[in-house]
């Protein structure tokens, strides 16, 4: 058995869940996380003051699957 972790955009959660169900991966753990990478955050204005938001919301999913499904799960997550 293998544990696969992936960080995705929050609006992709349903697509990934459906893709995993189609290939027979039952169950996943979802954690709301914050981070930055290529997006580098952004600036916002609140009550006239500008401030930087360095960490943007993300979703971390963890899936435990049998060895035979590992490649299919990774492909499903990356294509969703």
PDB file of N, CA and C in Angstrom:
ATOM      1  N   UNK A   1       0.848  -1.177   0.000  1.00  0.00           N
ATOM      2  CA  UNK A   1       0.000   0.000   0.000  1.00  0.00           C
ATOM      3  C   UNK A   1       0.887   1.232   0.000  1.00  0.00           C
ATOM      4  N   UNK A   2       0.391   2.259  -0.650  1.00  0.00           N
ATOM      5  CA  UNK A   2       1.119   3.515  -0.758  1.00  0.00           C
ATOM      6  C   UNK A   2       0.222   4.668  -0.343  1.00  0.00           C
ATOM      7  N   UNK A   3       0.858   5.701   0.230  1.00  0.00           N
ATOM      8  CA  UNK A   3       0.129   6.933   0.567  1.00  0.00           C
ATOM      9  C   UNK A   3       0.555   7.998  -0.429  1.00  0.00           C
ATOM     10  N   UNK A   4      -0.426   8.616  -1.061  1.00  0.00           N
ATOM     11  CA  UNK A   4      -0.174   9.661  -2.043  1.00  0.00           C
ATOM     12  C   UNK A   4      -0.721  10.963  -1.485  1.00  0.00           C
ATOM     13  N   UNK A   5       0.103  11.994  -1.489  1.00  0.00           N
ATOM     14  CA  UNK A   5      -0.313  13.329  -1.051  1.00  0.00           C
ATOM     15  C   UNK A   5      -0.246  14.260  -2.249  1.00  0.00           C
ATOM     16  N   UNK A   6      -1.230  15.133  -2.357  1.00  0.00           N
ATOM     17  CA  UNK A   6      -1.249  16.109  -3.440  1.00  0.00           C
ATOM     18  C   UNK A   6      -1.818  17.422  -2.919  1.00  0.00           C
ATOM     19  N   UNK A   7      -1.229  18.522  -3.359  1.00  0.00           N
ATOM     20  CA  UNK A   7      -1.730  19.853  -3.047  1.00  0.00           C
ATOM     21  C   UNK A   7      -2.408  20.372  -4.308  1.00  0.00           C
ATOM     22  N   UNK A   8      -3.692  20.710  -4.180  1.00  0.00           N
ATOM     23  CA  UNK A   8      -4.457  21.162  -5.339  1.00  0.00           C
ATOM     24  C   UNK A   8      -5.178  22.461  -4.999  1.00  0.00           C
ATOM     25  N   UNK A   9      -5.726  23.083  -6.036  1.00  0.00           N
ATOM     26  CA  UNK A   9      -6.539  24.280  -5.827  1.00  0.00           C
ATOM     27  C   UNK A   9      -7.896  23.850  -5.279  1.00  0.00           C
ATOM     28  N   UNK A  10      -8.449  24.630  -4.353  1.00  0.00           N
ATOM     29  CA  UNK A  10      -9.708  24.214  -3.698  1.00  0.00           C
ATOM     30  C   UNK A  10     -10.868  23.938  -4.651  1.00  0.00           C
ATOM     31  N   UNK A  11     -10.947  24.637  -5.767  1.00  0.00           N
ATOM     32  CA  UNK A  11     -12.082  24.422  -6.669  1.00  0.00           C
ATOM     33  C   UNK A  11     -11.954  23.122  -7.460  1.00  0.00           C
ATOM     34  N   UNK A  12     -10.830  22.429  -7.366  1.00  0.00           N
ATOM     35  CA  UNK A  12     -10.629  21.170  -8.066  1.00  0.00           C
ATOM     36  C   UNK A  12     -10.998  19.946  -7.224  1.00  0.00           C
ATOM     37  N   UNK A  13     -11.409  20.151  -5.992  1.00  0.00           N
ATOM     38  CA  UNK A  13     -11.652  19.030  -5.071  1.00  0.00           C
ATOM     39  C   UNK A  13     -12.691  18.056  -5.628  1.00  0.00           C
ATOM     40  N   UNK A  14     -13.812  18.560  -6.095  1.00  0.00           N
ATOM     41  CA  UNK A  14     -14.870  17.670  -6.591  1.00  0.00           C
ATOM     42  C   UNK A  14     -14.420  16.886  -7.823  1.00  0.00           C
ATOM     43  N   UNK A  15     -13.685  17.545  -8.720  1.00  0.00           N
ATOM     44  CA  UNK A  15     -13.196  16.855  -9.917  1.00  0.00           C
ATOM     45  C   UNK A  15     -12.250  15.714  -9.546  1.00  0.00           C
ATOM     46  N   UNK A  16     -11.347  15.982  -8.619  1.00  0.00           N
ATOM     47  CA  UNK A  16     -10.393  14.959  -8.197  1.00  0.00           C
ATOM     48  C   UNK A  16     -11.123  13.814  -7.506  1.00  0.00           C
ATOM     49  N   UNK A  17     -12.080  14.138  -6.647  1.00  0.00           N
ATOM     50  CA  UNK A  17     -12.840  13.107  -5.935  1.00  0.00           C
ATOM     51  C   UNK A  17     -13.568  12.192  -6.923  1.00  0.00           C
ATOM     52  N   UNK A  18     -14.214  12.780  -7.914  1.00  0.00           N
ATOM     53  CA  UNK A  18     -14.933  11.987  -8.907  1.00  0.00           C
ATOM     54  C   UNK A  18     -13.981  11.122  -9.733  1.00  0.00           C
ATOM     55  N   UNK A  19     -12.825  11.683 -10.095  1.00  0.00           N
ATOM     56  CA  UNK A  19     -11.847  10.924 -10.876  1.00  0.00           C
ATOM     57  C   UNK A  19     -11.316   9.738 -10.086  1.00  0.00           C
ATOM     58  N   UNK A  20     -11.100   9.927  -8.791  1.00  0.00           N
ATOM     59  CA  UNK A  20     -10.615   8.829  -7.955  1.00  0.00           C
ATOM     60  C   UNK A  20     -11.677   7.751  -7.765  1.00  0.00           C
ATOM     61  N   UNK A  21     -12.937   8.166  -7.644  1.00  0.00           N
ATOM     62  CA  UNK A  21     -14.022   7.193  -7.501  1.00  0.00           C
ATOM     63  C   UNK A  21     -14.149   6.337  -8.759  1.00  0.00           C
ATOM     64  N   UNK A  22     -13.923   6.939  -9.934  1.00  0.00           N
ATOM     65  CA  UNK A  22     -14.043   6.213 -11.199  1.00  0.00           C
ATOM     66  C   UNK A  22     -13.021   5.084 -11.321  1.00  0.00           C
ATOM     67  N   UNK A  23     -11.829   5.268 -10.747  1.00  0.00           N
ATOM     68  CA  UNK A  23     -10.810   4.229 -10.879  1.00  0.00           C
ATOM     69  C   UNK A  23     -10.811   3.256  -9.701  1.00  0.00           C
ATOM     70  N   UNK A  24     -11.701   3.479  -8.737  1.00  0.00           N
ATOM     71  CA  UNK A  24     -11.841   2.538  -7.635  1.00  0.00           C
ATOM     72  C   UNK A  24     -11.068   2.884  -6.382  1.00  0.00           C
ATOM     73  N   UNK A  25     -10.528   4.077  -6.298  1.00  0.00           N
ATOM     74  CA  UNK A  25      -9.859   4.512  -5.072  1.00  0.00           C
ATOM     75  C   UNK A  25     -10.943   5.017  -4.129  1.00  0.00           C
ATOM     76  N   UNK A  26     -11.197   4.283  -3.075  1.00  0.00           N
ATOM     77  CA  UNK A  26     -12.273   4.648  -2.157  1.00  0.00           C
ATOM     78  C   UNK A  26     -11.686   5.337  -0.936  1.00  0.00           C
ATOM     79  N   UNK A  27     -12.095   6.539  -0.723  1.00  0.00           N
ATOM     80  CA  UNK A  27     -11.693   7.286   0.461  1.00  0.00           C
ATOM     81  C   UNK A  27     -10.488   8.168   0.236  1.00  0.00           C
ATOM     82  N   UNK A  28     -10.560   9.334   0.825  1.00  0.00           N
ATOM     83  CA  UNK A  28      -9.439  10.255   0.827  1.00  0.00           C
ATOM     84  C   UNK A  28      -9.581  11.170   2.018  1.00  0.00           C
ATOM     85  N   UNK A  29      -8.477  11.768   2.410  1.00  0.00           N
ATOM     86  CA  UNK A  29      -8.477  12.734   3.500  1.00  0.00           C
ATOM     87  C   UNK A  29      -8.201  14.098   2.908  1.00  0.00           C
ATOM     88  N   UNK A  30      -8.982  15.082   3.314  1.00  0.00           N
ATOM     89  CA  UNK A  30      -8.853  16.430   2.794  1.00  0.00           C
ATOM     90  C   UNK A  30      -8.490  17.373   3.939  1.00  0.00           C
ATOM     91  N   UNK A  31      -7.456  18.187   3.718  1.00  0.00           N
ATOM     92  CA  UNK A  31      -7.034  19.177   4.692  1.00  0.00           C
ATOM     93  C   UNK A  31      -6.927  20.518   3.996  1.00  0.00           C
ATOM     94  N   UNK A  32      -7.492  21.547   4.598  1.00  0.00           N
ATOM     95  CA  UNK A  32      -7.344  22.894   4.046  1.00  0.00           C
ATOM     96  C   UNK A  32      -6.014  23.455   4.525  1.00  0.00           C
ATOM     97  N   UNK A  33      -5.174  23.848   3.575  1.00  0.00           N
ATOM     98  CA  UNK A  33      -3.842  24.356   3.890  1.00  0.00           C
ATOM     99  C   UNK A  33      -3.627  25.690   3.185  1.00  0.00           C
ATOM    100  N   UNK A  34      -2.535  26.360   3.517  1.00  0.00           N
ATOM    101  CA  UNK A  34      -2.155  27.595   2.857  1.00  0.00           C
ATOM    102  C   UNK A  34      -0.714  27.462   2.414  1.00  0.00           C
ATOM    103  N   UNK A  35      -0.382  28.072   1.293  1.00  0.00           N
ATOM    104  CA  UNK A  35       0.990  27.994   0.815  1.00  0.00           C
ATOM    105  C   UNK A  35       1.190  28.923  -0.372  1.00  0.00           C
ATOM    106  N   UNK A  36       2.422  28.928  -0.865  1.00  0.00           N
ATOM    107  CA  UNK A  36       2.694  29.682  -2.077  1.00  0.00           C
ATOM    108  C   UNK A  36       3.749  28.949  -2.882  1.00  0.00           C
ATOM    109  N   UNK A  37       3.728  29.212  -4.139  1.00  0.00           N
ATOM    110  CA  UNK A  37       4.666  28.594  -5.069  1.00  0.00           C
ATOM    111  C   UNK A  37       4.784  29.520  -6.253  1.00  0.00           C
ATOM    112  N   UNK A  38       4.342  29.047  -7.390  1.00  0.00           N
ATOM    113  CA  UNK A  38       4.396  29.880  -8.589  1.00  0.00           C
ATOM    114  C   UNK A  38       3.468  31.086  -8.491  1.00  0.00           C
ATOM    115  N   UNK A  39       2.420  30.996  -7.693  1.00  0.00           N
ATOM    116  CA  UNK A  39       1.451  32.094  -7.604  1.00  0.00           C
ATOM    117  C   UNK A  39       2.002  33.283  -6.832  1.00  0.00           C
ATOM    118  N   UNK A  40       2.894  33.077  -5.888  1.00  0.00           N
ATOM    119  CA  UNK A  40       3.567  34.138  -5.141  1.00  0.00           C
ATOM    120  C   UNK A  40       2.645  35.069  -4.362  1.00  0.00           C
ATOM    121  N   UNK A  41       1.415  34.689  -4.123  1.00  0.00           N
ATOM    122  CA  UNK A  41       0.504  35.524  -3.342  1.00  0.00           C
ATOM    123  C   UNK A  41       0.024  36.736  -4.128  1.00  0.00           C
ATOM    124  N   UNK A  42      -0.603  37.677  -3.428  1.00  0.00           N
ATOM    125  CA  UNK A  42      -1.099  38.889  -4.066  1.00  0.00           C
ATOM    126  C   UNK A  42      -1.320  39.956  -3.002  1.00  0.00           C
ATOM    127  N   UNK A  43      -1.611  41.173  -3.445  1.00  0.00           N
ATOM    128  CA  UNK A  43      -1.870  42.292  -2.532  1.00  0.00           C
ATOM    129  C   UNK A  43      -3.361  42.585  -2.483  1.00  0.00           C
ATOM    130  N   UNK A  44      -3.840  42.978  -1.318  1.00  0.00           N
ATOM    131  CA  UNK A  44      -5.225  43.381  -1.145  1.00  0.00           C
ATOM    132  C   UNK A  44      -5.274  44.671  -0.346  1.00  0.00           C
ATOM    133  N   UNK A  45      -6.408  45.363  -0.485  1.00  0.00           N
ATOM    134  CA  UNK A  45      -6.608  46.603   0.258  1.00  0.00           C
ATOM    135  C   UNK A  45      -7.759  46.379   1.233  1.00  0.00           C
ATOM    136  N   UNK A  46      -7.519  46.709   2.505  1.00  0.00           N
ATOM    137  CA  UNK A  46      -8.549  46.582   3.531  1.00  0.00           C
ATOM    138  C   UNK A  46      -8.563  47.872   4.331  1.00  0.00           C
ATOM    139  N   UNK A  47      -9.704  48.551   4.324  1.00  0.00           N
ATOM    140  CA  UNK A  47      -9.884  49.821   5.034  1.00  0.00           C
ATOM    141  C   UNK A  47      -8.791  50.823   4.705  1.00  0.00           C
ATOM    142  N   UNK A  48      -8.464  50.888   3.417  1.00  0.00           N
ATOM    143  CA  UNK A  48      -7.505  51.880   2.950  1.00  0.00           C
ATOM    144  C   UNK A  48      -6.048  51.474   3.080  1.00  0.00           C
ATOM    145  N   UNK A  49      -5.772  50.363   3.714  1.00  0.00           N
ATOM    146  CA  UNK A  49      -4.383  49.909   3.868  1.00  0.00           C
ATOM    147  C   UNK A  49      -4.138  48.713   2.953  1.00  0.00           C
ATOM    148  N   UNK A  50      -3.024  48.766   2.273  1.00  0.00           N
ATOM    149  CA  UNK A  50      -2.667  47.654   1.398  1.00  0.00           C
ATOM    150  C   UNK A  50      -1.775  46.677   2.166  1.00  0.00           C
ATOM    151  N   UNK A  51      -2.055  45.404   1.999  1.00  0.00           N
ATOM    152  CA  UNK A  51      -1.227  44.398   2.644  1.00  0.00           C
ATOM    153  C   UNK A  51      -1.068  43.198   1.712  1.00  0.00           C
ATOM    154  N   UNK A  52      -0.005  42.477   1.925  1.00  0.00           N
ATOM    155  CA  UNK A  52       0.310  41.335   1.066  1.00  0.00           C
ATOM    156  C   UNK A  52      -0.249  40.053   1.659  1.00  0.00           C
ATOM    157  N   UNK A  53      -0.823  39.245   0.800  1.00  0.00           N
ATOM    158  CA  UNK A  53      -1.257  37.908   1.182  1.00  0.00           C
ATOM    159  C   UNK A  53      -0.257  36.953   0.544  1.00  0.00           C
ATOM    160  N   UNK A  54       0.670  36.484   1.370  1.00  0.00           N
ATOM    161  CA  UNK A  54       1.730  35.621   0.859  1.00  0.00           C
ATOM    162  C   UNK A  54       1.277  34.182   0.684  1.00  0.00           C
ATOM    163  N   UNK A  55       0.377  33.731   1.535  1.00  0.00           N
ATOM    164  CA  UNK A  55      -0.057  32.347   1.485  1.00  0.00           C
ATOM    165  C   UNK A  55      -1.483  32.280   0.952  1.00  0.00           C
ATOM    166  N   UNK A  56      -1.663  31.561  -0.135  1.00  0.00           N
ATOM    167  CA  UNK A  56      -2.984  31.425  -0.729  1.00  0.00           C
ATOM    168  C   UNK A  56      -3.613  30.095  -0.308  1.00  0.00           C
ATOM    169  N   UNK A  57      -4.946  30.032  -0.234  1.00  0.00           N
ATOM    170  CA  UNK A  57      -5.615  28.796   0.189  1.00  0.00           C
ATOM    171  C   UNK A  57      -5.387  27.666  -0.810  1.00  0.00           C
ATOM    172  N   UNK A  58      -5.149  26.495  -0.283  1.00  0.00           N
ATOM    173  CA  UNK A  58      -4.962  25.287  -1.081  1.00  0.00           C
ATOM    174  C   UNK A  58      -5.689  24.141  -0.386  1.00  0.00           C
ATOM    175  N   UNK A  59      -5.764  23.019  -1.052  1.00  0.00           N
ATOM    176  CA  UNK A  59      -6.340  21.804  -0.456  1.00  0.00           C
ATOM    177  C   UNK A  59      -5.315  20.685  -0.577  1.00  0.00           C
ATOM    178  N   UNK A  60      -5.101  19.979   0.509  1.00  0.00           N
ATOM    179  CA  UNK A  60      -4.179  18.839   0.505  1.00  0.00           C
ATOM    180  C   UNK A  60      -5.016  17.576   0.615  1.00  0.00           C
ATOM    181  N   UNK A  61      -4.830  16.686  -0.344  1.00  0.00           N
ATOM    182  CA  UNK A  61      -5.544  15.416  -0.278  1.00  0.00           C
ATOM    183  C   UNK A  61      -4.526  14.299  -0.048  1.00  0.00           C
ATOM    184  N   UNK A  62      -4.945  13.333   0.736  1.00  0.00           N
ATOM    185  CA  UNK A  62      -4.131  12.156   1.002  1.00  0.00           C
ATOM    186  C   UNK A  62      -4.969  10.933   0.667  1.00  0.00           C
ATOM    187  N   UNK A  63      -4.379  10.029  -0.103  1.00  0.00           N
ATOM    188  CA  UNK A  63      -5.076   8.824  -0.536  1.00  0.00           C
ATOM    189  C   UNK A  63      -4.172   7.635  -0.248  1.00  0.00           C
ATOM    190  N   UNK A  64      -4.737   6.593   0.326  1.00  0.00           N
ATOM    191  CA  UNK A  64      -3.996   5.356   0.551  1.00  0.00           C
ATOM    192  C   UNK A  64      -4.578   4.313  -0.397  1.00  0.00           C
ATOM    193  N   UNK A  65      -3.712   3.770  -1.250  1.00  0.00           N
ATOM    194  CA  UNK A  65      -4.174   2.824  -2.270  1.00  0.00           C
ATOM    195  C   UNK A  65      -3.237   1.627  -2.338  1.00  0.00           C
ATOM    196  N   UNK A  66      -3.734   0.564  -2.944  1.00  0.00           N
ATOM    197  CA  UNK A  66      -2.897  -0.608  -3.184  1.00  0.00           C
ATOM    198  C   UNK A  66      -1.880  -0.260  -4.268  1.00  0.00           C
ATOM    199  N   UNK A  67      -0.778  -0.975  -4.297  1.00  0.00           N
ATOM    200  CA  UNK A  67       0.312  -0.676  -5.217  1.00  0.00           C
ATOM    201  C   UNK A  67      -0.127  -0.633  -6.688  1.00  0.00           C
ATOM    202  N   UNK A  68      -1.079  -1.464  -7.055  1.00  0.00           N
ATOM    203  CA  UNK A  68      -1.519  -1.528  -8.454  1.00  0.00           C
ATOM    204  C   UNK A  68      -2.216  -0.250  -8.914  1.00  0.00           C
ATOM    205  N   UNK A  69      -2.782   0.523  -7.995  1.00  0.00           N
ATOM    206  CA  UNK A  69      -3.527   1.731  -8.373  1.00  0.00           C
ATOM    207  C   UNK A  69      -2.688   3.016  -8.314  1.00  0.00           C
ATOM    208  N   UNK A  70      -1.454   2.936  -7.878  1.00  0.00           N
ATOM    209  CA  UNK A  70      -0.663   4.150  -7.665  1.00  0.00           C
ATOM    210  C   UNK A  70      -0.562   4.991  -8.933  1.00  0.00           C
ATOM    211  N   UNK A  71      -0.169   4.382 -10.050  1.00  0.00           N
ATOM    212  CA  UNK A  71      -0.015   5.152 -11.294  1.00  0.00           C
ATOM    213  C   UNK A  71      -1.338   5.744 -11.764  1.00  0.00           C
ATOM    214  N   UNK A  72      -2.422   4.980 -11.630  1.00  0.00           N
ATOM    215  CA  UNK A  72      -3.740   5.476 -12.040  1.00  0.00           C
ATOM    216  C   UNK A  72      -4.185   6.659 -11.178  1.00  0.00           C
ATOM    217  N   UNK A  73      -3.912   6.587  -9.877  1.00  0.00           N
ATOM    218  CA  UNK A  73      -4.307   7.670  -8.970  1.00  0.00           C
ATOM    219  C   UNK A  73      -3.528   8.939  -9.299  1.00  0.00           C
ATOM    220  N   UNK A  74      -2.228   8.816  -9.496  1.00  0.00           N
ATOM    221  CA  UNK A  74      -1.421   9.986  -9.825  1.00  0.00           C
ATOM    222  C   UNK A  74      -1.876  10.604 -11.139  1.00  0.00           C
ATOM    223  N   UNK A  75      -2.160   9.782 -12.119  1.00  0.00           N
ATOM    224  CA  UNK A  75      -2.637  10.281 -13.415  1.00  0.00           C
ATOM    225  C   UNK A  75      -3.994  10.975 -13.269  1.00  0.00           C
ATOM    226  N   UNK A  76      -4.891  10.385 -12.479  1.00  0.00           N
ATOM    227  CA  UNK A  76      -6.226  10.972 -12.283  1.00  0.00           C
ATOM    228  C   UNK A  76      -6.148  12.322 -11.596  1.00  0.00           C
ATOM    229  N   UNK A  77      -5.283  12.439 -10.592  1.00  0.00           N
ATOM    230  CA  UNK A  77      -5.142  13.709  -9.878  1.00  0.00           C
ATOM    231  C   UNK A  77      -4.560  14.772 -10.792  1.00  0.00           C
ATOM    232  N   UNK A  78      -3.545  14.421 -11.542  1.00  0.00           N
ATOM    233  CA  UNK A  78      -2.884  15.430 -12.389  1.00  0.00           C
ATOM    234  C   UNK A  78      -3.753  15.863 -13.558  1.00  0.00           C
ATOM    235  N   UNK A  79      -4.652  15.012 -14.022  1.00  0.00           N
ATOM    236  CA  UNK A  79      -5.512  15.367 -15.164  1.00  0.00           C
ATOM    237  C   UNK A  79      -6.797  16.062 -14.744  1.00  0.00           C
ATOM    238  N   UNK A  80      -7.179  15.978 -13.487  1.00  0.00           N
ATOM    239  CA  UNK A  80      -8.436  16.587 -13.027  1.00  0.00           C
ATOM    240  C   UNK A  80      -8.301  18.092 -12.923  1.00  0.00           C
TER     241      UNK A  80
END
